[in-house]
Amino acid sequence: MSKLLPVFRIVALLEGVSYILLLFIATPIKYFYEDDQYVKMLGMPHGILFMAYVVIAVLISSDMKWPSRTLWIVLFASIIPFGTFYIDKKYLIKSRRA
């Protein structure tokens, strides 16, 4: 098990939450109420969390002995709403128990 796994799980959770807030709260407010302050407020933290998610996923993939297909699934899930929650349940919790 990778020592970065607990950190990756936290980053995945925060990245997923920030993406949901950005897509389903901040963006509608921006376009329906012409107020972009929430997009500006959430955009930078989400971008940093997204980059951290990608970097940590690549770093732990060898420690976790993921085939390249699994790594691509983990990376692709970061651009799908709720994808990081699926990854946590499918790949990360299972790895923690092993």
C-alpha atoms as a PDB file:
ATOM      1  CA  MET A   1       0.000   0.000   0.000  1.00  0.00           C
ATOM      2  CA  SER A   2       1.270   3.453  -0.876  1.00  0.00           C
ATOM      3  CA  LYS A   3       2.010   5.954   1.876  1.00  0.00           C
ATOM      4  CA  LEU A   4       0.312   8.579  -0.285  1.00  0.00           C
ATOM      5  CA  LEU A   5      -3.001   6.694  -0.356  1.00  0.00           C
ATOM      6  CA  PRO A   6      -4.606   8.578   2.593  1.00  0.00           C
ATOM      7  CA  VAL A   7      -3.501  11.890   1.078  1.00  0.00           C
ATOM      8  CA  PHE A   8      -4.839  10.848  -2.320  1.00  0.00           C
ATOM      9  CA  ARG A   9      -8.203   9.898  -0.829  1.00  0.00           C
ATOM     10  CA  ILE A  10      -8.503  13.328   0.821  1.00  0.00           C
ATOM     11  CA  VAL A  11      -7.465  15.149  -2.357  1.00  0.00           C
ATOM     12  CA  ALA A  12      -9.929  13.037  -4.392  1.00  0.00           C
ATOM     13  CA  LEU A  13     -12.757  13.905  -2.015  1.00  0.00           C
ATOM     14  CA  LEU A  14     -11.951  17.612  -2.002  1.00  0.00           C
ATOM     15  CA  GLU A  15     -11.476  17.672  -5.791  1.00  0.00           C
ATOM     16  CA  GLY A  16     -14.822  15.961  -6.276  1.00  0.00           C
ATOM     17  CA  VAL A  17     -16.644  18.322  -3.924  1.00  0.00           C
ATOM     18  CA  SER A  18     -15.052  21.407  -5.475  1.00  0.00           C
ATOM     19  CA  TYR A  19     -16.003  20.176  -8.972  1.00  0.00           C
ATOM     20  CA  ILE A  20     -19.618  19.577  -7.942  1.00  0.00           C
ATOM     21  CA  LEU A  21     -19.840  23.026  -6.331  1.00  0.00           C
ATOM     22  CA  LEU A  22     -18.263  24.648  -9.378  1.00  0.00           C
ATOM     23  CA  LEU A  23     -20.511  22.879 -11.896  1.00  0.00           C
ATOM     24  CA  PHE A  24     -23.840  22.832 -10.120  1.00  0.00           C
ATOM     25  CA  ILE A  25     -23.773  25.950  -7.947  1.00  0.00           C
ATOM     26  CA  ALA A  26     -21.179  28.497  -9.072  1.00  0.00           C
ATOM     27  CA  THR A  27     -21.697  28.158 -12.838  1.00  0.00           C
ATOM     28  CA  PRO A  28     -25.506  28.463 -12.747  1.00  0.00           C
ATOM     29  CA  ILE A  29     -25.193  31.502 -10.493  1.00  0.00           C
ATOM     30  CA  LYS A  30     -22.741  33.002 -12.959  1.00  0.00           C
ATOM     31  CA  TYR A  31     -25.037  32.593 -15.951  1.00  0.00           C
ATOM     32  CA  PHE A  32     -28.483  33.065 -14.391  1.00  0.00           C
ATOM     33  CA  TYR A  33     -27.630  35.907 -12.030  1.00  0.00           C
ATOM     34  CA  GLU A  34     -24.603  37.333 -13.864  1.00  0.00           C
ATOM     35  CA  ASP A  35     -22.499  37.022 -10.724  1.00  0.00           C
ATOM     36  CA  ASP A  36     -19.144  35.384 -11.328  1.00  0.00           C
ATOM     37  CA  GLN A  37     -17.688  35.792  -7.836  1.00  0.00           C
ATOM     38  CA  TYR A  38     -18.353  32.149  -6.911  1.00  0.00           C
ATOM     39  CA  VAL A  39     -16.649  30.847 -10.037  1.00  0.00           C
ATOM     40  CA  LYS A  40     -13.647  33.031  -9.267  1.00  0.00           C
ATOM     41  CA  MET A  41     -13.668  31.900  -5.647  1.00  0.00           C
ATOM     42  CA  LEU A  42     -13.913  28.160  -6.428  1.00  0.00           C
ATOM     43  CA  GLY A  43     -11.959  28.034  -9.687  1.00  0.00           C
ATOM     44  CA  MET A  44      -8.415  28.332  -8.367  1.00  0.00           C
ATOM     45  CA  PRO A  45      -8.783  25.862  -5.472  1.00  0.00           C
ATOM     46  CA  HIS A  46     -10.438  23.372  -7.812  1.00  0.00           C
ATOM     47  CA  GLY A  47      -7.643  23.764 -10.345  1.00  0.00           C
ATOM     48  CA  ILE A  48      -4.990  23.162  -7.699  1.00  0.00           C
ATOM     49  CA  LEU A  49      -6.855  20.121  -6.359  1.00  0.00           C
ATOM     50  CA  PHE A  50      -7.272  18.763  -9.904  1.00  0.00           C
ATOM     51  CA  MET A  51      -3.539  19.048 -10.579  1.00  0.00           C
ATOM     52  CA  ALA A  52      -2.731  17.459  -7.204  1.00  0.00           C
ATOM     53  CA  TYR A  53      -5.149  14.604  -7.990  1.00  0.00           C
ATOM     54  CA  VAL A  54      -3.468  13.895 -11.318  1.00  0.00           C
ATOM     55  CA  VAL A  55       0.084  14.089  -9.927  1.00  0.00           C
ATOM     56  CA  ILE A  56      -0.646  11.895  -6.915  1.00  0.00           C
ATOM     57  CA  ALA A  57      -2.533   9.361  -9.069  1.00  0.00           C
ATOM     58  CA  VAL A  58       0.497   9.002 -11.319  1.00  0.00           C
ATOM     59  CA  LEU A  59       2.829   8.741  -8.319  1.00  0.00           C
ATOM     60  CA  ILE A  60       0.867   6.046  -6.510  1.00  0.00           C
ATOM     61  CA  SER A  61      -0.005   4.000  -9.586  1.00  0.00           C
ATOM     62  CA  SER A  62       3.260   2.061  -9.450  1.00  0.00           C
ATOM     63  CA  ASP A  63       3.068   1.519  -5.674  1.00  0.00           C
ATOM     64  CA  MET A  64      -0.488   0.246  -6.034  1.00  0.00           C
ATOM     65  CA  LYS A  65       0.531  -1.923  -9.006  1.00  0.00           C
ATOM     66  CA  TRP A  66      -2.243  -0.536 -11.154  1.00  0.00           C
ATOM     67  CA  PRO A  67      -2.266  -1.598 -14.779  1.00  0.00           C
ATOM     68  CA  SER A  68      -2.141   1.347 -17.163  1.00  0.00           C
ATOM     69  CA  ARG A  69      -5.867   0.886 -17.890  1.00  0.00           C
ATOM     70  CA  THR A  70      -6.698   1.465 -14.222  1.00  0.00           C
ATOM     71  CA  LEU A  71      -4.537   4.572 -14.122  1.00  0.00           C
ATOM     72  CA  TRP A  72      -6.359   5.945 -17.171  1.00  0.00           C
ATOM     73  CA  ILE A  73      -9.732   5.203 -15.533  1.00  0.00           C
ATOM     74  CA  VAL A  74      -8.619   6.998 -12.355  1.00  0.00           C
ATOM     75  CA  LEU A  75      -7.424   9.994 -14.376  1.00  0.00           C
ATOM     76  CA  PHE A  76     -10.532  10.080 -16.602  1.00  0.00           C
ATOM     77  CA  ALA A  77     -12.799   9.980 -13.543  1.00  0.00           C
ATOM     78  CA  SER A  78     -11.463  13.347 -12.433  1.00  0.00           C
ATOM     79  CA  ILE A  79     -13.233  15.091 -15.323  1.00  0.00           C
ATOM     80  CA  ILE A  80     -16.598  13.411 -14.721  1.00  0.00           C
ATOM     81  CA  PRO A  81     -18.892  14.772 -12.009  1.00  0.00           C
ATOM     82  CA  PHE A  82     -18.929  12.334  -9.060  1.00  0.00           C
ATOM     83  CA  GLY A  83     -16.105  10.369 -10.731  1.00  0.00           C
ATOM     84  CA  THR A  84     -13.657  10.733  -7.876  1.00  0.00           C
ATOM     85  CA  PHE A  85     -16.225   9.313  -5.447  1.00  0.00           C
ATOM     86  CA  TYR A  86     -16.562   6.229  -7.661  1.00  0.00           C
ATOM     87  CA  ILE A  87     -12.774   5.850  -7.776  1.00  0.00           C
ATOM     88  CA  ASP A  88     -12.547   6.053  -4.000  1.00  0.00           C
ATOM     89  CA  LYS A  89     -15.117   3.328  -3.548  1.00  0.00           C
ATOM     90  CA  LYS A  90     -13.949   1.068  -6.381  1.00  0.00           C
ATOM     91  CA  TYR A  91     -10.143   1.327  -6.209  1.00  0.00           C
ATOM     92  CA  LEU A  92      -8.974   3.101  -3.083  1.00  0.00           C
ATOM     93  CA  ILE A  93     -11.021   1.623  -0.220  1.00  0.00           C
ATOM     94  CA  LYS A  94     -10.481  -1.866  -1.605  1.00  0.00           C
ATOM     95  CA  SER A  95      -6.718  -1.239  -1.689  1.00  0.00           C
ATOM     96  CA  ARG A  96      -6.730   0.032   1.866  1.00  0.00           C
ATOM     97  CA  ARG A  97      -8.307  -3.168   3.167  1.00  0.00           C
ATOM     98  CA  ALA A  98      -5.844  -5.426   1.380  1.00  0.00           C
END
